[in-house]
Amino acid sequence: MSDVVVQHAEVGAVARAWDEQQVRLTAAAHQVGAVGESTGFTPRVAPLAGVFCARWSEHVADLGRAAEVRADGLRDSLRDFLDSDASSALGAVRLLGLTEEHR
């Protein structure tokens, strides 16, 4: 029989790393979107550059939202493991009384 072992600190650290990735991607999306709004492009290129930057900004923002979903999923999984551990421990304590003989 094998036991399921969860390294709680590791799961928490990975969730935080996904959170940090989300923050970086959200900032990058805003920066890319701002480039498309700048006037540094020639009149001939500006419309295409604006569309490209807008689409790229949307893509990066989508990646940021996906990173947040992963972080939330990891935290939800960790909560589930902790809840099941607590429930198992409580059940074991309740069963201890059944293993002893009382006269």
PDB file of N, CA and C in Angstrom:
ATOM      1  N   MET A   1       0.849  -1.177   0.000  1.00  0.00           N
ATOM      2  CA  MET A   1       0.000   0.000   0.000  1.00  0.00           C
ATOM      3  C   MET A   1       0.894   1.239   0.000  1.00  0.00           C
ATOM      4  N   SER A   2       0.543   2.192  -0.809  1.00  0.00           N
ATOM      5  CA  SER A   2       1.321   3.431  -0.835  1.00  0.00           C
ATOM      6  C   SER A   2       0.475   4.564  -0.273  1.00  0.00           C
ATOM      7  N   ASP A   3       1.149   5.468   0.372  1.00  0.00           N
ATOM      8  CA  ASP A   3       0.478   6.628   0.965  1.00  0.00           C
ATOM      9  C   ASP A   3       0.585   7.810   0.019  1.00  0.00           C
ATOM     10  N   VAL A   4      -0.440   8.632   0.028  1.00  0.00           N
ATOM     11  CA  VAL A   4      -0.398   9.877  -0.725  1.00  0.00           C
ATOM     12  C   VAL A   4       0.256  10.910   0.180  1.00  0.00           C
ATOM     13  N   VAL A   5       1.351  11.463  -0.293  1.00  0.00           N
ATOM     14  CA  VAL A   5       2.073  12.454   0.494  1.00  0.00           C
ATOM     15  C   VAL A   5       2.040  13.778  -0.273  1.00  0.00           C
ATOM     16  N   VAL A   6       1.621  14.813   0.405  1.00  0.00           N
ATOM     17  CA  VAL A   6       1.577  16.142  -0.189  1.00  0.00           C
ATOM     18  C   VAL A   6       2.538  17.030   0.577  1.00  0.00           C
ATOM     19  N   GLN A   7       3.449  17.622  -0.140  1.00  0.00           N
ATOM     20  CA  GLN A   7       4.373  18.577   0.468  1.00  0.00           C
ATOM     21  C   GLN A   7       3.667  19.933   0.494  1.00  0.00           C
ATOM     22  N   HIS A   8       3.013  20.213   1.612  1.00  0.00           N
ATOM     23  CA  HIS A   8       2.174  21.416   1.707  1.00  0.00           C
ATOM     24  C   HIS A   8       2.944  22.692   1.393  1.00  0.00           C
ATOM     25  N   ALA A   9       4.144  22.801   1.918  1.00  0.00           N
ATOM     26  CA  ALA A   9       4.932  24.023   1.688  1.00  0.00           C
ATOM     27  C   ALA A   9       5.281  24.166   0.211  1.00  0.00           C
ATOM     28  N   GLU A  10       5.569  23.042  -0.440  1.00  0.00           N
ATOM     29  CA  GLU A  10       5.915  23.095  -1.868  1.00  0.00           C
ATOM     30  C   GLU A  10       4.712  23.515  -2.713  1.00  0.00           C
ATOM     31  N   VAL A  11       3.557  22.962  -2.405  1.00  0.00           N
ATOM     32  CA  VAL A  11       2.350  23.337  -3.147  1.00  0.00           C
ATOM     33  C   VAL A  11       2.066  24.828  -2.954  1.00  0.00           C
ATOM     34  N   GLY A  12       2.213  25.298  -1.721  1.00  0.00           N
ATOM     35  CA  GLY A  12       2.005  26.722  -1.452  1.00  0.00           C
ATOM     36  C   GLY A  12       2.998  27.596  -2.196  1.00  0.00           C
ATOM     37  N   ALA A  13       4.261  27.156  -2.250  1.00  0.00           N
ATOM     38  CA  ALA A  13       5.291  27.932  -2.957  1.00  0.00           C
ATOM     39  C   ALA A  13       5.005  27.986  -4.461  1.00  0.00           C
ATOM     40  N   VAL A  14       4.558  26.885  -5.019  1.00  0.00           N
ATOM     41  CA  VAL A  14       4.245  26.865  -6.451  1.00  0.00           C
ATOM     42  C   VAL A  14       3.027  27.747  -6.734  1.00  0.00           C
ATOM     43  N   ALA A  15       2.034  27.730  -5.853  1.00  0.00           N
ATOM     44  CA  ALA A  15       0.868  28.606  -6.027  1.00  0.00           C
ATOM     45  C   ALA A  15       1.299  30.070  -6.006  1.00  0.00           C
ATOM     46  N   ARG A  16       2.196  30.408  -5.080  1.00  0.00           N
ATOM     47  CA  ARG A  16       2.700  31.794  -5.027  1.00  0.00           C
ATOM     48  C   ARG A  16       3.475  32.143  -6.297  1.00  0.00           C
ATOM     49  N   ALA A  17       4.231  31.190  -6.819  1.00  0.00           N
ATOM     50  CA  ALA A  17       4.979  31.443  -8.054  1.00  0.00           C
ATOM     51  C   ALA A  17       4.027  31.719  -9.219  1.00  0.00           C
ATOM     52  N   TRP A  18       2.915  30.974  -9.291  1.00  0.00           N
ATOM     53  CA  TRP A  18       1.919  31.247 -10.337  1.00  0.00           C
ATOM     54  C   TRP A  18       1.286  32.621 -10.122  1.00  0.00           C
ATOM     55  N   ASP A  19       1.054  33.000  -8.857  1.00  0.00           N
ATOM     56  CA  ASP A  19       0.535  34.345  -8.576  1.00  0.00           C
ATOM     57  C   ASP A  19       1.492  35.421  -9.078  1.00  0.00           C
ATOM     58  N   GLU A  20       2.772  35.223  -8.807  1.00  0.00           N
ATOM     59  CA  GLU A  20       3.778  36.194  -9.263  1.00  0.00           C
ATOM     60  C   GLU A  20       3.830  36.249 -10.785  1.00  0.00           C
ATOM     61  N   GLN A  21       3.691  35.092 -11.421  1.00  0.00           N
ATOM     62  CA  GLN A  21       3.666  35.057 -12.886  1.00  0.00           C
ATOM     63  C   GLN A  21       2.468  35.845 -13.411  1.00  0.00           C
ATOM     64  N   GLN A  22       1.341  35.702 -12.751  1.00  0.00           N
ATOM     65  CA  GLN A  22       0.144  36.438 -13.160  1.00  0.00           C
ATOM     66  C   GLN A  22       0.373  37.940 -13.057  1.00  0.00           C
ATOM     67  N   VAL A  23       0.995  38.375 -11.983  1.00  0.00           N
ATOM     68  CA  VAL A  23       1.264  39.807 -11.797  1.00  0.00           C
ATOM     69  C   VAL A  23       2.186  40.318 -12.909  1.00  0.00           C
ATOM     70  N   ARG A  24       3.230  39.551 -13.204  1.00  0.00           N
ATOM     71  CA  ARG A  24       4.163  39.966 -14.266  1.00  0.00           C
ATOM     72  C   ARG A  24       3.480  40.009 -15.633  1.00  0.00           C
ATOM     73  N   LEU A  25       2.661  39.000 -15.912  1.00  0.00           N
ATOM     74  CA  LEU A  25       1.985  38.965 -17.215  1.00  0.00           C
ATOM     75  C   LEU A  25       0.961  40.088 -17.344  1.00  0.00           C
ATOM     76  N   THR A  26       0.264  40.394 -16.273  1.00  0.00           N
ATOM     77  CA  THR A  26      -0.698  41.500 -16.314  1.00  0.00           C
ATOM     78  C   THR A  26       0.021  42.821 -16.571  1.00  0.00           C
ATOM     79  N   ALA A  27       1.146  43.018 -15.906  1.00  0.00           N
ATOM     80  CA  ALA A  27       1.933  44.241 -16.138  1.00  0.00           C
ATOM     81  C   ALA A  27       2.435  44.290 -17.577  1.00  0.00           C
ATOM     82  N   ALA A  28       2.906  43.152 -18.074  1.00  0.00           N
ATOM     83  CA  ALA A  28       3.400  43.107 -19.459  1.00  0.00           C
ATOM     84  C   ALA A  28       2.278  43.406 -20.449  1.00  0.00           C
ATOM     85  N   ALA A  29       1.083  42.893 -20.184  1.00  0.00           N
ATOM     86  CA  ALA A  29      -0.051  43.158 -21.080  1.00  0.00           C
ATOM     87  C   ALA A  29      -0.347  44.650 -21.156  1.00  0.00           C
ATOM     88  N   HIS A  30      -0.297  45.326 -20.011  1.00  0.00           N
ATOM     89  CA  HIS A  30      -0.533  46.773 -20.006  1.00  0.00           C
ATOM     90  C   HIS A  30       0.573  47.505 -20.755  1.00  0.00           C
ATOM     91  N   GLN A  31       1.809  47.071 -20.584  1.00  0.00           N
ATOM     92  CA  GLN A  31       2.936  47.716 -21.256  1.00  0.00           C
ATOM     93  C   GLN A  31       2.844  47.531 -22.770  1.00  0.00           C
ATOM     94  N   VAL A  32       2.509  46.312 -23.203  1.00  0.00           N
ATOM     95  CA  VAL A  32       2.394  46.063 -24.649  1.00  0.00           C
ATOM     96  C   VAL A  32       1.249  46.882 -25.230  1.00  0.00           C
ATOM     97  N   GLY A  33       0.139  46.940 -24.506  1.00  0.00           N
ATOM     98  CA  GLY A  33      -0.987  47.745 -24.981  1.00  0.00           C
ATOM     99  C   GLY A  33      -0.634  49.214 -25.086  1.00  0.00           C
ATOM    100  N   ALA A  34       0.188  49.704 -24.162  1.00  0.00           N
ATOM    101  CA  ALA A  34       0.591  51.117 -24.188  1.00  0.00           C
ATOM    102  C   ALA A  34       1.489  51.419 -25.380  1.00  0.00           C
ATOM    103  N   VAL A  35       2.309  50.441 -25.784  1.00  0.00           N
ATOM    104  CA  VAL A  35       3.186  50.651 -26.946  1.00  0.00           C
ATOM    105  C   VAL A  35       2.354  50.882 -28.193  1.00  0.00           C
ATOM    106  N   GLY A  36       1.259  50.129 -28.319  1.00  0.00           N
ATOM    107  CA  GLY A  36       0.394  50.282 -29.484  1.00  0.00           C
ATOM    108  C   GLY A  36      -0.296  51.631 -29.537  1.00  0.00           C
ATOM    109  N   GLU A  37      -0.439  52.283 -28.395  1.00  0.00           N
ATOM    110  CA  GLU A  37      -1.096  53.591 -28.346  1.00  0.00           C
ATOM    111  C   GLU A  37      -0.111  54.741 -28.532  1.00  0.00           C
ATOM    112  N   SER A  38       1.183  54.424 -28.530  1.00  0.00           N
ATOM    113  CA  SER A  38       2.168  55.510 -28.651  1.00  0.00           C
ATOM    114  C   SER A  38       2.208  56.020 -30.082  1.00  0.00           C
ATOM    115  N   THR A  39       2.799  57.164 -30.232  1.00  0.00           N
ATOM    116  CA  THR A  39       2.855  57.805 -31.550  1.00  0.00           C
ATOM    117  C   THR A  39       4.215  57.607 -32.206  1.00  0.00           C
ATOM    118  N   GLY A  40       4.964  56.618 -31.796  1.00  0.00           N
ATOM    119  CA  GLY A  40       6.301  56.412 -32.340  1.00  0.00           C
ATOM    120  C   GLY A  40       6.332  55.735 -33.696  1.00  0.00           C
ATOM    121  N   PHE A  41       5.176  55.364 -34.215  1.00  0.00           N
ATOM    122  CA  PHE A  41       5.129  54.682 -35.502  1.00  0.00           C
ATOM    123  C   PHE A  41       4.781  55.669 -36.613  1.00  0.00           C
ATOM    124  N   THR A  42       5.238  55.342 -37.789  1.00  0.00           N
ATOM    125  CA  THR A  42       4.889  56.181 -38.947  1.00  0.00           C
ATOM    126  C   THR A  42       3.403  56.021 -39.236  1.00  0.00           C
ATOM    127  N   PRO A  43       2.815  56.998 -39.909  1.00  0.00           N
ATOM    128  CA  PRO A  43       1.374  56.914 -40.190  1.00  0.00           C
ATOM    129  C   PRO A  43       0.986  55.639 -40.953  1.00  0.00           C
ATOM    130  N   ARG A  44       1.877  55.172 -41.789  1.00  0.00           N
ATOM    131  CA  ARG A  44       1.568  53.978 -42.578  1.00  0.00           C
ATOM    132  C   ARG A  44       1.579  52.709 -41.712  1.00  0.00           C
ATOM    133  N   VAL A  45       2.441  52.676 -40.717  1.00  0.00           N
ATOM    134  CA  VAL A  45       2.610  51.483 -39.877  1.00  0.00           C
ATOM    135  C   VAL A  45       1.736  51.538 -38.622  1.00  0.00           C
ATOM    136  N   ALA A  46       1.399  52.715 -38.167  1.00  0.00           N
ATOM    137  CA  ALA A  46       0.702  52.887 -36.886  1.00  0.00           C
ATOM    138  C   ALA A  46      -0.564  52.033 -36.750  1.00  0.00           C
ATOM    139  N   PRO A  47      -1.452  51.976 -37.755  1.00  0.00           N
ATOM    140  CA  PRO A  47      -2.662  51.153 -37.572  1.00  0.00           C
ATOM    141  C   PRO A  47      -2.340  49.668 -37.372  1.00  0.00           C
ATOM    142  N   LEU A  48      -1.417  49.156 -38.163  1.00  0.00           N
ATOM    143  CA  LEU A  48      -1.048  47.742 -38.035  1.00  0.00           C
ATOM    144  C   LEU A  48      -0.340  47.475 -36.711  1.00  0.00           C
ATOM    145  N   ALA A  49       0.528  48.376 -36.327  1.00  0.00           N
ATOM    146  CA  ALA A  49       1.232  48.213 -35.050  1.00  0.00           C
ATOM    147  C   ALA A  49       0.238  48.261 -33.890  1.00  0.00           C
ATOM    148  N   GLY A  50      -0.744  49.130 -33.990  1.00  0.00           N
ATOM    149  CA  GLY A  50      -1.760  49.221 -32.946  1.00  0.00           C
ATOM    150  C   GLY A  50      -2.563  47.932 -32.818  1.00  0.00           C
ATOM    151  N   VAL A  51      -2.955  47.364 -33.965  1.00  0.00           N
ATOM    152  CA  VAL A  51      -3.710  46.103 -33.943  1.00  0.00           C
ATOM    153  C   VAL A  51      -2.836  44.980 -33.380  1.00  0.00           C
ATOM    154  N   PHE A  52      -1.587  44.905 -33.847  1.00  0.00           N
ATOM    155  CA  PHE A  52      -0.676  43.872 -33.364  1.00  0.00           C
ATOM    156  C   PHE A  52      -0.492  43.979 -31.845  1.00  0.00           C
ATOM    157  N   CYS A  53      -0.234  45.169 -31.355  1.00  0.00           N
ATOM    158  CA  CYS A  53      -0.013  45.350 -29.918  1.00  0.00           C
ATOM    159  C   CYS A  53      -1.276  45.047 -29.120  1.00  0.00           C
ATOM    160  N   ALA A  54      -2.416  45.426 -29.643  1.00  0.00           N
ATOM    161  CA  ALA A  54      -3.681  45.152 -28.943  1.00  0.00           C
ATOM    162  C   ALA A  54      -3.914  43.644 -28.834  1.00  0.00           C
ATOM    163  N   ARG A  55      -3.702  42.932 -29.938  1.00  0.00           N
ATOM    164  CA  ARG A  55      -3.902  41.475 -29.919  1.00  0.00           C
ATOM    165  C   ARG A  55      -2.871  40.791 -29.022  1.00  0.00           C
ATOM    166  N   TRP A  56      -1.641  41.246 -29.104  1.00  0.00           N
ATOM    167  CA  TRP A  56      -0.598  40.649 -28.268  1.00  0.00           C
ATOM    168  C   TRP A  56      -0.886  40.929 -26.796  1.00  0.00           C
ATOM    169  N   SER A  57      -1.362  42.117 -26.497  1.00  0.00           N
ATOM    170  CA  SER A  57      -1.720  42.471 -25.122  1.00  0.00           C
ATOM    171  C   SER A  57      -2.845  41.568 -24.615  1.00  0.00           C
ATOM    172  N   GLU A  58      -3.843  41.304 -25.457  1.00  0.00           N
ATOM    173  CA  GLU A  58      -4.934  40.399 -25.081  1.00  0.00           C
ATOM    174  C   GLU A  58      -4.406  38.994 -24.808  1.00  0.00           C
ATOM    175  N   HIS A  59      -3.501  38.530 -25.649  1.00  0.00           N
ATOM    176  CA  HIS A  59      -2.920  37.189 -25.480  1.00  0.00           C
ATOM    177  C   HIS A  59      -2.160  37.089 -24.155  1.00  0.00           C
ATOM    178  N   VAL A  60      -1.348  38.089 -23.863  1.00  0.00           N
ATOM    179  CA  VAL A  60      -0.573  38.078 -22.618  1.00  0.00           C
ATOM    180  C   VAL A  60      -1.511  38.175 -21.411  1.00  0.00           C
ATOM    181  N   ALA A  61      -2.556  38.968 -21.518  1.00  0.00           N
ATOM    182  CA  ALA A  61      -3.539  39.066 -20.429  1.00  0.00           C
ATOM    183  C   ALA A  61      -4.233  37.724 -20.211  1.00  0.00           C
ATOM    184  N   ASP A  62      -4.547  37.013 -21.303  1.00  0.00           N
ATOM    185  CA  ASP A  62      -5.140  35.677 -21.184  1.00  0.00           C
ATOM    186  C   ASP A  62      -4.187  34.726 -20.462  1.00  0.00           C
ATOM    187  N   LEU A  63      -2.912  34.811 -20.772  1.00  0.00           N
ATOM    188  CA  LEU A  63      -1.927  33.976 -20.084  1.00  0.00           C
ATOM    189  C   LEU A  63      -1.889  34.305 -18.587  1.00  0.00           C
ATOM    190  N   GLY A  64      -2.009  35.579 -18.264  1.00  0.00           N
ATOM    191  CA  GLY A  64      -2.040  35.992 -16.865  1.00  0.00           C
ATOM    192  C   GLY A  64      -3.250  35.425 -16.142  1.00  0.00           C
ATOM    193  N   ARG A  65      -4.407  35.468 -16.809  1.00  0.00           N
ATOM    194  CA  ARG A  65      -5.610  34.891 -16.188  1.00  0.00           C
ATOM    195  C   ARG A  65      -5.449  33.382 -15.999  1.00  0.00           C
ATOM    196  N   ALA A  66      -4.831  32.711 -16.956  1.00  0.00           N
ATOM    197  CA  ALA A  66      -4.598  31.265 -16.828  1.00  0.00           C
ATOM    198  C   ALA A  66      -3.656  30.965 -15.662  1.00  0.00           C
ATOM    199  N   ALA A  67      -2.655  31.809 -15.456  1.00  0.00           N
ATOM    200  CA  ALA A  67      -1.735  31.625 -14.330  1.00  0.00           C
ATOM    201  C   ALA A  67      -2.477  31.767 -13.012  1.00  0.00           C
ATOM    202  N   GLU A  68      -3.388  32.724 -12.934  1.00  0.00           N
ATOM    203  CA  GLU A  68      -4.170  32.916 -11.707  1.00  0.00           C
ATOM    204  C   GLU A  68      -5.079  31.712 -11.455  1.00  0.00           C
ATOM    205  N   VAL A  69      -5.656  31.161 -12.512  1.00  0.00           N
ATOM    206  CA  VAL A  69      -6.503  29.970 -12.367  1.00  0.00           C
ATOM    207  C   VAL A  69      -5.680  28.805 -11.826  1.00  0.00           C
ATOM    208  N   ARG A  70      -4.448  28.645 -12.326  1.00  0.00           N
ATOM    209  CA  ARG A  70      -3.591  27.572 -11.820  1.00  0.00           C
ATOM    210  C   ARG A  70      -3.258  27.783 -10.345  1.00  0.00           C
ATOM    211  N   ALA A  71      -2.942  29.015  -9.974  1.00  0.00           N
ATOM    212  CA  ALA A  71      -2.635  29.313  -8.568  1.00  0.00           C
ATOM    213  C   ALA A  71      -3.841  29.005  -7.687  1.00  0.00           C
ATOM    214  N   ASP A  72      -5.021  29.434  -8.116  1.00  0.00           N
ATOM    215  CA  ASP A  72      -6.233  29.172  -7.343  1.00  0.00           C
ATOM    216  C   ASP A  72      -6.506  27.674  -7.235  1.00  0.00           C
ATOM    217  N   GLY A  73      -6.285  26.942  -8.324  1.00  0.00           N
ATOM    218  CA  GLY A  73      -6.483  25.497  -8.313  1.00  0.00           C
ATOM    219  C   GLY A  73      -5.553  24.797  -7.346  1.00  0.00           C
ATOM    220  N   LEU A  74      -4.303  25.236  -7.316  1.00  0.00           N
ATOM    221  CA  LEU A  74      -3.357  24.644  -6.366  1.00  0.00           C
ATOM    222  C   LEU A  74      -3.775  24.918  -4.921  1.00  0.00           C
ATOM    223  N   ARG A  75      -4.202  26.144  -4.650  1.00  0.00           N
ATOM    224  CA  ARG A  75      -4.654  26.466  -3.297  1.00  0.00           C
ATOM    225  C   ARG A  75      -5.908  25.674  -2.927  1.00  0.00           C
ATOM    226  N   ASP A  76      -6.826  25.511  -3.876  1.00  0.00           N
ATOM    227  CA  ASP A  76      -8.027  24.704  -3.621  1.00  0.00           C
ATOM    228  C   ASP A  76      -7.656  23.253  -3.327  1.00  0.00           C
ATOM    229  N   SER A  77      -6.725  22.712  -4.100  1.00  0.00           N
ATOM    230  CA  SER A  77      -6.278  21.336  -3.871  1.00  0.00           C
ATOM    231  C   SER A  77      -5.623  21.198  -2.506  1.00  0.00           C
ATOM    232  N   LEU A  78      -4.804  22.176  -2.149  1.00  0.00           N
ATOM    233  CA  LEU A  78      -4.144  22.138  -0.849  1.00  0.00           C
ATOM    234  C   LEU A  78      -5.178  22.179   0.278  1.00  0.00           C
ATOM    235  N   ARG A  79      -6.190  23.047   0.126  1.00  0.00           N
ATOM    236  CA  ARG A  79      -7.260  23.100   1.130  1.00  0.00           C
ATOM    237  C   ARG A  79      -7.979  21.757   1.239  1.00  0.00           C
ATOM    238  N   ASP A  80      -8.244  21.129   0.090  1.00  0.00           N
ATOM    239  CA  ASP A  80      -8.917  19.825   0.105  1.00  0.00           C
ATOM    240  C   ASP A  80      -8.074  18.779   0.832  1.00  0.00           C
ATOM    241  N   PHE A  81      -6.767  18.767   0.549  1.00  0.00           N
ATOM    242  CA  PHE A  81      -5.889  17.814   1.240  1.00  0.00           C
ATOM    243  C   PHE A  81      -5.871  18.072   2.741  1.00  0.00           C
ATOM    244  N   LEU A  82      -5.761  19.337   3.117  1.00  0.00           N
ATOM    245  CA  LEU A  82      -5.735  19.665   4.546  1.00  0.00           C
ATOM    246  C   LEU A  82      -7.052  19.303   5.223  1.00  0.00           C
ATOM    247  N   ASP A  83      -8.161  19.581   4.541  1.00  0.00           N
ATOM    248  CA  ASP A  83      -9.468  19.223   5.106  1.00  0.00           C
ATOM    249  C   ASP A  83      -9.607  17.715   5.251  1.00  0.00           C
ATOM    250  N   SER A  84      -9.157  16.960   4.251  1.00  0.00           N
ATOM    251  CA  SER A  84      -9.274  15.505   4.343  1.00  0.00           C
ATOM    252  C   SER A  84      -8.337  14.956   5.413  1.00  0.00           C
ATOM    253  N   ASP A  85      -7.152  15.562   5.561  1.00  0.00           N
ATOM    254  CA  ASP A  85      -6.251  15.144   6.643  1.00  0.00           C
ATOM    255  C   ASP A  85      -6.895  15.381   8.006  1.00  0.00           C
ATOM    256  N   ALA A  86      -7.493  16.549   8.167  1.00  0.00           N
ATOM    257  CA  ALA A  86      -8.139  16.871   9.444  1.00  0.00           C
ATOM    258  C   ALA A  86      -9.305  15.923   9.699  1.00  0.00           C
ATOM    259  N   SER A  87     -10.084  15.648   8.668  1.00  0.00           N
ATOM    260  CA  SER A  87     -11.224  14.747   8.805  1.00  0.00           C
ATOM    261  C   SER A  87     -10.754  13.334   9.145  1.00  0.00           C
ATOM    262  N   SER A  88      -9.693  12.875   8.500  1.00  0.00           N
ATOM    263  CA  SER A  88      -9.147  11.541   8.789  1.00  0.00           C
ATOM    264  C   SER A  88      -8.630  11.461  10.218  1.00  0.00           C
ATOM    265  N   ALA A  89      -7.953  12.500  10.653  1.00  0.00           N
ATOM    266  CA  ALA A  89      -7.416  12.506  12.019  1.00  0.00           C
ATOM    267  C   ALA A  89      -8.556  12.469  13.032  1.00  0.00           C
ATOM    268  N   LEU A  90      -9.604  13.241  12.775  1.00  0.00           N
ATOM    269  CA  LEU A  90     -10.750  13.255  13.681  1.00  0.00           C
ATOM    270  C   LEU A  90     -11.420  11.885  13.708  1.00  0.00           C
ATOM    271  N   GLY A  91     -11.573  11.265  12.543  1.00  0.00           N
ATOM    272  CA  GLY A  91     -12.156   9.930  12.472  1.00  0.00           C
ATOM    273  C   GLY A  91     -11.319   8.909  13.223  1.00  0.00           C
ATOM    274  N   ALA A  92     -10.013   9.007  13.112  1.00  0.00           N
ATOM    275  CA  ALA A  92      -9.120   8.082  13.810  1.00  0.00           C
ATOM    276  C   ALA A  92      -9.249   8.250  15.322  1.00  0.00           C
ATOM    277  N   VAL A  93      -9.344   9.482  15.781  1.00  0.00           N
ATOM    278  CA  VAL A  93      -9.499   9.727  17.215  1.00  0.00           C
ATOM    279  C   VAL A  93     -10.817   9.127  17.707  1.00  0.00           C
ATOM    280  N   ARG A  94     -11.866   9.268  16.924  1.00  0.00           N
ATOM    281  CA  ARG A  94     -13.166   8.718  17.310  1.00  0.00           C
ATOM    282  C   ARG A  94     -13.130   7.191  17.347  1.00  0.00           C
ATOM    283  N   LEU A  95     -12.355   6.586  16.450  1.00  0.00           N
ATOM    284  CA  LEU A  95     -12.263   5.126  16.402  1.00  0.00           C
ATOM    285  C   LEU A  95     -11.398   4.550  17.511  1.00  0.00           C
ATOM    286  N   LEU A  96     -10.522   5.340  18.075  1.00  0.00           N
ATOM    287  CA  LEU A  96      -9.652   4.826  19.139  1.00  0.00           C
ATOM    288  C   LEU A  96     -10.451   4.213  20.278  1.00  0.00           C
ATOM    289  N   GLY A  97     -11.543   4.818  20.606  1.00  0.00           N
ATOM    290  CA  GLY A  97     -12.371   4.297  21.678  1.00  0.00           C
ATOM    291  C   GLY A  97     -12.951   2.922  21.367  1.00  0.00           C
ATOM    292  N   LEU A  98     -13.099   2.598  20.101  1.00  0.00           N
ATOM    293  CA  LEU A  98     -13.668   1.310  19.713  1.00  0.00           C
ATOM    294  C   LEU A  98     -12.648   0.180  19.806  1.00  0.00           C
ATOM    295  N   THR A  99     -11.383   0.491  19.846  1.00  0.00           N
ATOM    296  CA  THR A  99     -10.344  -0.548  19.872  1.00  0.00           C
ATOM    297  C   THR A  99      -9.994  -0.976  21.269  1.00  0.00           C
ATOM    298  N   GLU A 100     -10.534  -0.283  22.263  1.00  0.00           N
ATOM    299  CA  GLU A 100     -10.234  -0.623  23.658  1.00  0.00           C
ATOM    300  C   GLU A 100     -11.421  -1.389  24.263  1.00  0.00           C
ATOM    301  N   GLU A 101     -11.095  -2.296  25.128  1.00  0.00           N
ATOM    302  CA  GLU A 101     -12.130  -3.064  25.789  1.00  0.00           C
ATOM    303  C   GLU A 101     -12.576  -2.325  27.052  1.00  0.00           C
ATOM    304  N   HIS A 102     -13.863  -2.130  27.162  1.00  0.00           N
ATOM    305  CA  HIS A 102     -14.431  -1.473  28.340  1.00  0.00           C
ATOM    306  C   HIS A 102     -15.354  -2.467  29.032  1.00  0.00           C
ATOM    307  N   ARG A 103     -15.181  -2.625  30.339  1.00  0.00           N
ATOM    308  CA  ARG A 103     -16.029  -3.562  31.120  1.00  0.00           C
ATOM    309  C   ARG A 103     -16.822  -2.830  32.146  1.00  0.00           C
TER     310      ARG A 103
END
